[in-house]
Amino acid sequence: FMPSSLRRSDESVTLNWTDSLRSYRLDSTKFGGNQSWPKEKE
């Protein structure tokens, strides 16, 4: 994950999984993380 100021898009990562009792959903933006690699990454 990269700083939000350097993101190239608003793309984020969402994970979904299910066990026998519950379903879960995790959005990376909740933790200040951005999946998109920045243009200034170098």
All heavy atoms as atom14 arrays in JSON, in Angstrom:
{
  "sequence": "FMPSSLRRSDESVTLNWTDSLRSYRLDSTKFGGNQSWPKEKE",
  "atom14_mask": [
    [1, 1, 1, 1, 1, 1, 1, 1, 1, 1, 1, 0, 0, 0],
    [1, 1, 1, 1, 1, 1, 1, 1, 0, 0, 0, 0, 0, 0],
    [1, 1, 1, 1, 1, 1, 1, 0, 0, 0, 0, 0, 0, 0],
    [1, 1, 1, 1, 1, 1, 0, 0, 0, 0, 0, 0, 0, 0],
    [1, 1, 1, 1, 1, 1, 0, 0, 0, 0, 0, 0, 0, 0],
    [1, 1, 1, 1, 1, 1, 1, 1, 0, 0, 0, 0, 0, 0],
    [1, 1, 1, 1, 1, 1, 1, 1, 1, 1, 1, 0, 0, 0],
    [1, 1, 1, 1, 1, 1, 1, 1, 1, 1, 1, 0, 0, 0],
    [1, 1, 1, 1, 1, 1, 0, 0, 0, 0, 0, 0, 0, 0],
    [1, 1, 1, 1, 1, 1, 1, 1, 0, 0, 0, 0, 0, 0],
    [1, 1, 1, 1, 1, 1, 1, 1, 1, 0, 0, 0, 0, 0],
    [1, 1, 1, 1, 1, 1, 0, 0, 0, 0, 0, 0, 0, 0],
    [1, 1, 1, 1, 1, 1, 1, 0, 0, 0, 0, 0, 0, 0],
    [1, 1, 1, 1, 1, 1, 1, 0, 0, 0, 0, 0, 0, 0],
    [1, 1, 1, 1, 1, 1, 1, 1, 0, 0, 0, 0, 0, 0],
    [1, 1, 1, 1, 1, 1, 1, 1, 0, 0, 0, 0, 0, 0],
    [1, 1, 1, 1, 1, 1, 1, 1, 1, 1, 1, 1, 1, 1],
    [1, 1, 1, 1, 1, 1, 1, 0, 0, 0, 0, 0, 0, 0],
    [1, 1, 1, 1, 1, 1, 1, 1, 0, 0, 0, 0, 0, 0],
    [1, 1, 1, 1, 1, 1, 0, 0, 0, 0, 0, 0, 0, 0],
    [1, 1, 1, 1, 1, 1, 1, 1, 0, 0, 0, 0, 0, 0],
    [1, 1, 1, 1, 1, 1, 1, 1, 1, 1, 1, 0, 0, 0],
    [1, 1, 1, 1, 1, 1, 0, 0, 0, 0, 0, 0, 0, 0],
    [1, 1, 1, 1, 1, 1, 1, 1, 1, 1, 1, 1, 0, 0],
    [1, 1, 1, 1, 1, 1, 1, 1, 1, 1, 1, 0, 0, 0],
    [1, 1, 1, 1, 1, 1, 1, 1, 0, 0, 0, 0, 0, 0],
    [1, 1, 1, 1, 1, 1, 1, 1, 0, 0, 0, 0, 0, 0],
    [1, 1, 1, 1, 1, 1, 0, 0, 0, 0, 0, 0, 0, 0],
    [1, 1, 1, 1, 1, 1, 1, 0, 0, 0, 0, 0, 0, 0],
    [1, 1, 1, 1, 1, 1, 1, 1, 1, 0, 0, 0, 0, 0],
    [1, 1, 1, 1, 1, 1, 1, 1, 1, 1, 1, 0, 0, 0],
    [1, 1, 1, 1, 0, 0, 0, 0, 0, 0, 0, 0, 0, 0],
    [1, 1, 1, 1, 0, 0, 0, 0, 0, 0, 0, 0, 0, 0],
    [1, 1, 1, 1, 1, 1, 1, 1, 0, 0, 0, 0, 0, 0],
    [1, 1, 1, 1, 1, 1, 1, 1, 1, 0, 0, 0, 0, 0],
    [1, 1, 1, 1, 1, 1, 0, 0, 0, 0, 0, 0, 0, 0],
    [1, 1, 1, 1, 1, 1, 1, 1, 1, 1, 1, 1, 1, 1],
    [1, 1, 1, 1, 1, 1, 1, 0, 0, 0, 0, 0, 0, 0],
    [1, 1, 1, 1, 1, 1, 1, 1, 1, 0, 0, 0, 0, 0],
    [1, 1, 1, 1, 1, 1, 1, 1, 1, 0, 0, 0, 0, 0],
    [1, 1, 1, 1, 1, 1, 1, 1, 1, 0, 0, 0, 0, 0],
    [1, 1, 1, 1, 1, 1, 1, 1, 1, 0, 0, 0, 0, 0]
  ],
  "atom14_positions": [
    [[0.82, -1.2, 0.0], [0.0, 0.0, 0.0], [0.85, 1.26, 0.0], [1.94, 1.3, 0.57], [-0.92, 0.01, 1.22], [-1.88, -1.16, 1.23], [-2.01, -1.94, 2.37], [-2.62, -1.47, 0.11], [-2.88, -3.01, 2.39], [-3.5, -2.54, 0.12], [-3.63, -3.32, 1.26], [0.0, 0.0, 0.0], [0.0, 0.0, 0.0], [0.0, 0.0, 0.0]],
    [[0.34, 2.32, -0.62], [1.06, 3.58, -0.79], [0.27, 4.74, -0.16], [-0.93, 4.61, 0.1], [1.24, 3.87, -2.29], [2.25, 2.96, -2.95], [3.92, 3.35, -2.43], [4.65, 1.72, -2.44], [0.0, 0.0, 0.0], [0.0, 0.0, 0.0], [0.0, 0.0, 0.0], [0.0, 0.0, 0.0], [0.0, 0.0, 0.0], [0.0, 0.0, 0.0]],
    [[0.92, 5.88, 0.08], [0.2, 7.06, 0.57], [-0.91, 7.46, -0.39], [-0.74, 7.4, -1.61], [1.28, 8.14, 0.65], [2.57, 7.39, 0.76], [2.37, 6.15, -0.04], [0.0, 0.0, 0.0], [0.0, 0.0, 0.0], [0.0, 0.0, 0.0], [0.0, 0.0, 0.0], [0.0, 0.0, 0.0], [0.0, 0.0, 0.0], [0.0, 0.0, 0.0]],
    [[-2.05, 7.87, 0.16], [-3.19, 8.21, -0.69], [-2.89, 9.38, -1.62], [-3.44, 9.48, -2.71], [-4.42, 8.53, 0.18], [-4.13, 9.58, 1.08], [0.0, 0.0, 0.0], [0.0, 0.0, 0.0], [0.0, 0.0, 0.0], [0.0, 0.0, 0.0], [0.0, 0.0, 0.0], [0.0, 0.0, 0.0], [0.0, 0.0, 0.0], [0.0, 0.0, 0.0]],
    [[-1.98, 10.29, -1.22], [-1.65, 11.45, -2.06], [-0.94, 11.05, -3.34], [-0.89, 11.82, -4.29], [-0.76, 12.43, -1.27], [-1.42, 12.88, -0.13], [0.0, 0.0, 0.0], [0.0, 0.0, 0.0], [0.0, 0.0, 0.0], [0.0, 0.0, 0.0], [0.0, 0.0, 0.0], [0.0, 0.0, 0.0], [0.0, 0.0, 0.0], [0.0, 0.0, 0.0]],
    [[-0.38, 9.83, -3.37], [0.38, 9.39, -4.54], [-0.39, 8.39, -5.4], [0.16, 7.88, -6.38], [1.69, 8.74, -4.1], [2.73, 9.67, -3.48], [3.97, 8.88, -3.1], [3.11, 10.78, -4.45], [0.0, 0.0, 0.0], [0.0, 0.0, 0.0], [0.0, 0.0, 0.0], [0.0, 0.0, 0.0], [0.0, 0.0, 0.0], [0.0, 0.0, 0.0]],
    [[-1.64, 8.09, -5.04], [-2.35, 7.07, -5.8], [-2.63, 7.55, -7.22], [-2.84, 8.74, -7.48], [-3.66, 6.71, -5.1], [-4.69, 7.83, -5.04], [-5.94, 7.34, -4.33], [-6.96, 8.38, -4.26], [-7.1, 9.24, -3.26], [-6.24, 9.17, -2.23], [-8.04, 10.16, -3.27], [0.0, 0.0, 0.0], [0.0, 0.0, 0.0], [0.0, 0.0, 0.0]],
    [[-2.63, 6.58, -8.11], [-2.92, 6.92, -9.51], [-4.41, 6.79, -9.82], [-4.88, 7.23, -10.86], [-2.12, 5.99, -10.42], [-2.63, 4.56, -10.43], [-1.78, 3.64, -11.26], [-2.34, 2.28, -11.23], [-1.62, 1.2, -11.45], [-0.34, 1.3, -11.67], [-2.19, 0.01, -11.42], [0.0, 0.0, 0.0], [0.0, 0.0, 0.0], [0.0, 0.0, 0.0]],
    [[-5.14, 6.14, -8.89], [-6.58, 5.98, -9.07], [-7.2, 5.77, -7.71], [-6.5, 5.7, -6.7], [-6.9, 4.79, -9.99], [-6.6, 3.58, -9.34], [0.0, 0.0, 0.0], [0.0, 0.0, 0.0], [0.0, 0.0, 0.0], [0.0, 0.0, 0.0], [0.0, 0.0, 0.0], [0.0, 0.0, 0.0], [0.0, 0.0, 0.0], [0.0, 0.0, 0.0]],
    [[-8.51, 5.65, -7.67], [-9.22, 5.39, -6.41], [-9.41, 3.9, -6.17], [-10.22, 3.5, -5.34], [-10.58, 6.1, -6.41], [-10.43, 7.61, -6.35], [-9.43, 8.06, -5.74], [-11.28, 8.31, -6.91], [0.0, 0.0, 0.0], [0.0, 0.0, 0.0], [0.0, 0.0, 0.0], [0.0, 0.0, 0.0], [0.0, 0.0, 0.0], [0.0, 0.0, 0.0]],
    [[-8.68, 3.08, -6.91], [-8.81, 1.64, -6.79], [-8.37, 1.17, -5.4], [-7.36, 1.63, -4.87], [-7.94, 0.97, -7.84], [-8.0, -0.56, -7.83], [-7.03, -1.15, -8.84], [-6.29, -0.39, -9.49], [-7.02, -2.38, -8.96], [0.0, 0.0, 0.0], [0.0, 0.0, 0.0], [0.0, 0.0, 0.0], [0.0, 0.0, 0.0], [0.0, 0.0, 0.0]],
    [[-9.13, 0.3, -4.79], [-8.77, -0.26, -3.49], [-8.94, -1.77, -3.54], [-9.45, -2.32, -4.51], [-9.65, 0.34, -2.38], [-10.99, -0.04, -2.58], [0.0, 0.0, 0.0], [0.0, 0.0, 0.0], [0.0, 0.0, 0.0], [0.0, 0.0, 0.0], [0.0, 0.0, 0.0], [0.0, 0.0, 0.0], [0.0, 0.0, 0.0], [0.0, 0.0, 0.0]],
    [[-8.51, -2.42, -2.5], [-8.61, -3.87, -2.41], [-9.73, -4.25, -1.47], [-9.78, -3.75, -0.34], [-7.28, -4.47, -1.9], [-7.42, -5.98, -1.74], [-6.15, -4.16, -2.86], [0.0, 0.0, 0.0], [0.0, 0.0, 0.0], [0.0, 0.0, 0.0], [0.0, 0.0, 0.0], [0.0, 0.0, 0.0], [0.0, 0.0, 0.0], [0.0, 0.0, 0.0]],
    [[-10.64, -5.09, -1.91], [-11.7, -5.58, -1.05], [-11.61, -7.09, -0.99], [-11.61, -7.76, -2.01], [-13.08, -5.16, -1.57], [-13.15, -3.74, -1.62], [-14.18, -5.69, -0.65], [0.0, 0.0, 0.0], [0.0, 0.0, 0.0], [0.0, 0.0, 0.0], [0.0, 0.0, 0.0], [0.0, 0.0, 0.0], [0.0, 0.0, 0.0], [0.0, 0.0, 0.0]],
    [[-11.53, -7.64, 0.21], [-11.44, -9.07, 0.42], [-12.75, -9.57, 1.0], [-13.3, -8.97, 1.9], [-10.29, -9.4, 1.37], [-8.89, -8.89, 0.96], [-7.89, -9.23, 2.06], [-8.46, -9.49, -0.36], [0.0, 0.0, 0.0], [0.0, 0.0, 0.0], [0.0, 0.0, 0.0], [0.0, 0.0, 0.0], [0.0, 0.0, 0.0], [0.0, 0.0, 0.0]],
    [[-13.23, -10.66, 0.48], [-14.45, -11.28, 1.0], [-14.17, -12.75, 1.26], [-13.56, -13.44, 0.44], [-15.6, -11.16, -0.01], [-16.06, -9.74, -0.21], [-16.84, -9.22, 0.56], [-15.55, -9.08, -1.26], [0.0, 0.0, 0.0], [0.0, 0.0, 0.0], [0.0, 0.0, 0.0], [0.0, 0.0, 0.0], [0.0, 0.0, 0.0], [0.0, 0.0, 0.0]],
    [[-14.59, -13.23, 2.43], [-14.49, -14.66, 2.69], [-15.57, -15.06, 3.67], [-16.15, -14.24, 4.37], [-13.09, -15.04, 3.18], [-12.76, -14.61, 4.57], [-12.88, -15.32, 5.72], [-12.23, -13.34, 4.95], [-12.46, -14.59, 6.79], [-12.05, -13.36, 6.35], [-11.89, -12.18, 4.26], [-11.56, -12.28, 7.06], [-11.39, -11.1, 4.97], [-11.22, -11.16, 6.34]],
    [[-15.84, -16.34, 3.72], [-16.94, -16.85, 4.54], [-16.48, -18.1, 5.27], [-15.78, -18.93, 4.7], [-18.17, -17.19, 3.67], [-18.55, -16.03, 2.93], [-19.33, -17.65, 4.54], [0.0, 0.0, 0.0], [0.0, 0.0, 0.0], [0.0, 0.0, 0.0], [0.0, 0.0, 0.0], [0.0, 0.0, 0.0], [0.0, 0.0, 0.0], [0.0, 0.0, 0.0]],
    [[-16.83, -18.19, 6.54], [-16.66, -19.46, 7.23], [-18.05, -20.01, 7.53], [-19.04, -19.51, 7.03], [-15.8, -19.32, 8.5], [-16.47, -18.46, 9.57], [-17.68, -18.2, 9.44], [-15.78, -18.07, 10.52], [0.0, 0.0, 0.0], [0.0, 0.0, 0.0], [0.0, 0.0, 0.0], [0.0, 0.0, 0.0], [0.0, 0.0, 0.0], [0.0, 0.0, 0.0]],
    [[-18.12, -21.02, 8.35], [-19.4, -21.68, 8.58], [-20.38, -20.84, 9.36], [-21.56, -21.14, 9.39], [-19.16, -23.01, 9.32], [-18.54, -22.75, 10.57], [0.0, 0.0, 0.0], [0.0, 0.0, 0.0], [0.0, 0.0, 0.0], [0.0, 0.0, 0.0], [0.0, 0.0, 0.0], [0.0, 0.0, 0.0], [0.0, 0.0, 0.0], [0.0, 0.0, 0.0]],
    [[-19.91, -19.76, 9.99], [-20.79, -18.97, 10.84], [-21.04, -17.57, 10.32], [-22.13, -17.05, 10.45], [-20.18, -18.87, 12.26], [-20.0, -20.19, 13.0], [-19.35, -19.92, 14.36], [-21.34, -20.87, 13.2], [0.0, 0.0, 0.0], [0.0, 0.0, 0.0], [0.0, 0.0, 0.0], [0.0, 0.0, 0.0], [0.0, 0.0, 0.0], [0.0, 0.0, 0.0]],
    [[-20.01, -16.94, 9.74], [-20.15, -15.53, 9.4], [-19.52, -15.23, 8.05], [-18.69, -15.98, 7.56], [-19.47, -14.66, 10.48], [-20.15, -14.7, 11.83], [-19.35, -13.93, 12.85], [-18.12, -14.62, 13.17], [-18.02, -15.51, 14.16], [-19.06, -15.79, 14.89], [-16.88, -16.12, 14.41], [0.0, 0.0, 0.0], [0.0, 0.0, 0.0], [0.0, 0.0, 0.0]],
    [[-19.87, -14.09, 7.49], [-19.22, -13.57, 6.3], [-18.43, -12.34, 6.68], [-18.8, -11.6, 7.58], [-20.27, -13.19, 5.23], [-20.96, -14.35, 4.79], [0.0, 0.0, 0.0], [0.0, 0.0, 0.0], [0.0, 0.0, 0.0], [0.0, 0.0, 0.0], [0.0, 0.0, 0.0], [0.0, 0.0, 0.0], [0.0, 0.0, 0.0], [0.0, 0.0, 0.0]],
    [[-17.31, -12.1, 5.98], [-16.43, -10.99, 6.3], [-16.16, -10.17, 5.04], [-16.15, -10.67, 3.93], [-15.08, -11.5, 6.85], [-15.21, -12.41, 8.03], [-15.43, -13.77, 7.88], [-15.13, -11.9, 9.33], [-15.55, -14.61, 8.98], [-15.24, -12.72, 10.44], [-15.45, -14.07, 10.25], [-15.55, -14.89, 11.34], [0.0, 0.0, 0.0], [0.0, 0.0, 0.0]],
    [[-15.88, -8.88, 5.25], [-15.5, -8.0, 4.14], [-14.47, -7.01, 4.67], [-14.68, -6.36, 5.69], [-16.71, -7.24, 3.61], [-16.4, -6.38, 2.37], [-17.69, -5.75, 1.83], [-17.46, -5.06, 0.6], [-17.06, -3.78, 0.5], [-16.83, -3.1, 1.63], [-16.87, -3.21, -0.66], [0.0, 0.0, 0.0], [0.0, 0.0, 0.0], [0.0, 0.0, 0.0]],
    [[-13.35, -6.92, 4.0], [-12.29, -6.03, 4.41], [-11.95, -5.08, 3.27], [-11.6, -5.52, 2.18], [-11.03, -6.82, 4.82], [-9.79, -6.01, 5.14], [-10.04, -5.16, 6.38], [-8.59, -6.92, 5.37], [0.0, 0.0, 0.0], [0.0, 0.0, 0.0], [0.0, 0.0, 0.0], [0.0, 0.0, 0.0], [0.0, 0.0, 0.0], [0.0, 0.0, 0.0]],
    [[-12.05, -3.79, 3.53], [-11.73, -2.77, 2.54], [-10.42, -2.11, 2.95], [-10.3, -1.56, 4.04], [-12.86, -1.73, 2.49], [-12.69, -0.74, 1.33], [-11.56, -0.65, 0.81], [-13.67, -0.07, 0.98], [0.0, 0.0, 0.0], [0.0, 0.0, 0.0], [0.0, 0.0, 0.0], [0.0, 0.0, 0.0], [0.0, 0.0, 0.0], [0.0, 0.0, 0.0]],
    [[-9.42, -2.14, 2.06], [-8.11, -1.61, 2.41], [-8.12, -0.13, 2.72], [-7.29, 0.37, 3.47], [-7.11, -1.87, 1.27], [-7.48, -1.12, 0.11], [0.0, 0.0, 0.0], [0.0, 0.0, 0.0], [0.0, 0.0, 0.0], [0.0, 0.0, 0.0], [0.0, 0.0, 0.0], [0.0, 0.0, 0.0], [0.0, 0.0, 0.0], [0.0, 0.0, 0.0]],
    [[-9.08, 0.62, 2.18], [-9.11, 2.06, 2.45], [-9.44, 2.36, 3.89], [-9.17, 3.44, 4.39], [-10.15, 2.74, 1.54], [-11.43, 2.15, 1.76], [-9.78, 2.59, 0.07], [0.0, 0.0, 0.0], [0.0, 0.0, 0.0], [0.0, 0.0, 0.0], [0.0, 0.0, 0.0], [0.0, 0.0, 0.0], [0.0, 0.0, 0.0], [0.0, 0.0, 0.0]],
    [[-10.02, 1.39, 4.6], [-10.32, 1.59, 6.01], [-9.05, 1.79, 6.83], [-9.05, 2.34, 7.9], [-11.09, 0.39, 6.58], [-12.43, 0.12, 5.9], [-13.46, 1.15, 6.25], [-14.83, 0.76, 5.68], [-15.82, 1.81, 5.93], [0.0, 0.0, 0.0], [0.0, 0.0, 0.0], [0.0, 0.0, 0.0], [0.0, 0.0, 0.0], [0.0, 0.0, 0.0]],
    [[-7.93, 1.27, 6.31], [-6.67, 1.33, 7.03], [-5.7, 2.31, 6.4], [-4.51, 2.27, 6.65], [-6.05, -0.06, 7.09], [-6.94, -1.07, 7.72], [-7.68, -1.95, 6.94], [-7.07, -1.12, 9.09], [-8.51, -2.87, 7.54], [-7.89, -2.05, 9.69], [-8.62, -2.92, 8.91], [0.0, 0.0, 0.0], [0.0, 0.0, 0.0], [0.0, 0.0, 0.0]],
    [[-6.17, 3.22, 5.57], [-5.29, 4.22, 4.97], [-4.36, 3.63, 3.94], [-3.3, 4.17, 3.65], [0.0, 0.0, 0.0], [0.0, 0.0, 0.0], [0.0, 0.0, 0.0], [0.0, 0.0, 0.0], [0.0, 0.0, 0.0], [0.0, 0.0, 0.0], [0.0, 0.0, 0.0], [0.0, 0.0, 0.0], [0.0, 0.0, 0.0], [0.0, 0.0, 0.0]],
    [[-4.74, 2.49, 3.34], [-3.88, 1.85, 2.35], [-4.48, 1.96, 0.97], [-5.68, 1.85, 0.78], [0.0, 0.0, 0.0], [0.0, 0.0, 0.0], [0.0, 0.0, 0.0], [0.0, 0.0, 0.0], [0.0, 0.0, 0.0], [0.0, 0.0, 0.0], [0.0, 0.0, 0.0], [0.0, 0.0, 0.0], [0.0, 0.0, 0.0], [0.0, 0.0, 0.0]],
    [[-3.64, 2.13, -0.04], [-4.08, 2.21, -1.43], [-3.29, 1.22, -2.24], [-2.06, 1.19, -2.2], [-3.88, 3.62, -1.99], [-4.81, 4.62, -1.32], [-5.95, 4.76, -1.72], [-4.31, 5.27, -0.27], [0.0, 0.0, 0.0], [0.0, 0.0, 0.0], [0.0, 0.0, 0.0], [0.0, 0.0, 0.0], [0.0, 0.0, 0.0], [0.0, 0.0, 0.0]],
    [[-4.04, 0.4, -3.02], [-3.41, -0.66, -3.77], [-2.68, -0.11, -4.99], [-1.71, -0.67, -5.45], [-4.48, -1.68, -4.2], [-3.91, -2.87, -4.96], [-4.63, -3.11, -6.25], [-5.45, -2.3, -6.67], [-4.34, -4.22, -6.89], [0.0, 0.0, 0.0], [0.0, 0.0, 0.0], [0.0, 0.0, 0.0], [0.0, 0.0, 0.0], [0.0, 0.0, 0.0]],
    [[-3.14, 1.02, -5.53], [-2.59, 1.54, -6.78], [-1.18, 2.07, -6.57], [-0.94, 2.91, -5.72], [-3.48, 2.68, -7.3], [-4.8, 2.23, -7.44], [0.0, 0.0, 0.0], [0.0, 0.0, 0.0], [0.0, 0.0, 0.0], [0.0, 0.0, 0.0], [0.0, 0.0, 0.0], [0.0, 0.0, 0.0], [0.0, 0.0, 0.0], [0.0, 0.0, 0.0]],
    [[-0.24, 1.57, -7.37], [1.13, 2.07, -7.26], [1.2, 3.48, -7.85], [0.63, 3.77, -8.88], [2.08, 1.14, -8.01], [2.45, -0.05, -7.22], [1.72, -1.19, -7.09], [3.59, -0.2, -6.4], [2.33, -2.05, -6.25], [3.51, -1.48, -5.81], [4.69, 0.6, -6.1], [4.46, -1.97, -4.94], [5.65, 0.1, -5.24], [5.54, -1.16, -4.68]],
    [[1.94, 4.4, -7.21], [1.92, 5.81, -7.6], [2.83, 6.1, -8.78], [3.77, 5.36, -9.08], [2.46, 6.5, -6.35], [3.39, 5.49, -5.76], [2.76, 4.16, -6.03], [0.0, 0.0, 0.0], [0.0, 0.0, 0.0], [0.0, 0.0, 0.0], [0.0, 0.0, 0.0], [0.0, 0.0, 0.0], [0.0, 0.0, 0.0], [0.0, 0.0, 0.0]],
    [[2.56, 7.23, -9.4], [3.41, 7.65, -10.52], [4.8, 8.06, -10.01], [5.79, 7.94, -10.71], [2.76, 8.83, -11.23], [2.42, 9.99, -10.28], [1.65, 11.08, -10.98], [1.28, 12.2, -9.97], [0.5, 13.28, -10.62], [0.0, 0.0, 0.0], [0.0, 0.0, 0.0], [0.0, 0.0, 0.0], [0.0, 0.0, 0.0], [0.0, 0.0, 0.0]],
    [[4.89, 8.52, -8.75], [6.17, 8.94, -8.19], [6.79, 7.84, -7.32], [7.59, 8.12, -6.43], [5.99, 10.21, -7.34], [5.51, 11.41, -8.11], [3.98, 11.48, -8.13], [3.36, 10.47, -7.78], [3.45, 12.52, -8.53], [0.0, 0.0, 0.0], [0.0, 0.0, 0.0], [0.0, 0.0, 0.0], [0.0, 0.0, 0.0], [0.0, 0.0, 0.0]],
    [[6.42, 6.58, -7.57], [6.88, 5.51, -6.67], [8.4, 5.41, -6.65], [9.0, 5.09, -5.62], [6.28, 4.18, -7.08], [6.75, 3.66, -8.44], [6.11, 2.31, -8.73], [6.59, 1.79, -10.1], [5.98, 0.52, -10.44], [0.0, 0.0, 0.0], [0.0, 0.0, 0.0], [0.0, 0.0, 0.0], [0.0, 0.0, 0.0], [0.0, 0.0, 0.0]],
    [[9.07, 5.66, -7.82], [10.53, 5.55, -7.84], [11.17, 6.53, -6.87], [12.1, 6.18, -6.14], [11.05, 5.8, -9.27], [10.69, 4.72, -10.28], [9.29, 4.9, -10.83], [8.64, 5.91, -10.48], [8.84, 4.02, -11.6], [0.0, 0.0, 0.0], [0.0, 0.0, 0.0], [0.0, 0.0, 0.0], [0.0, 0.0, 0.0], [0.0, 0.0, 0.0]]
  ]
}
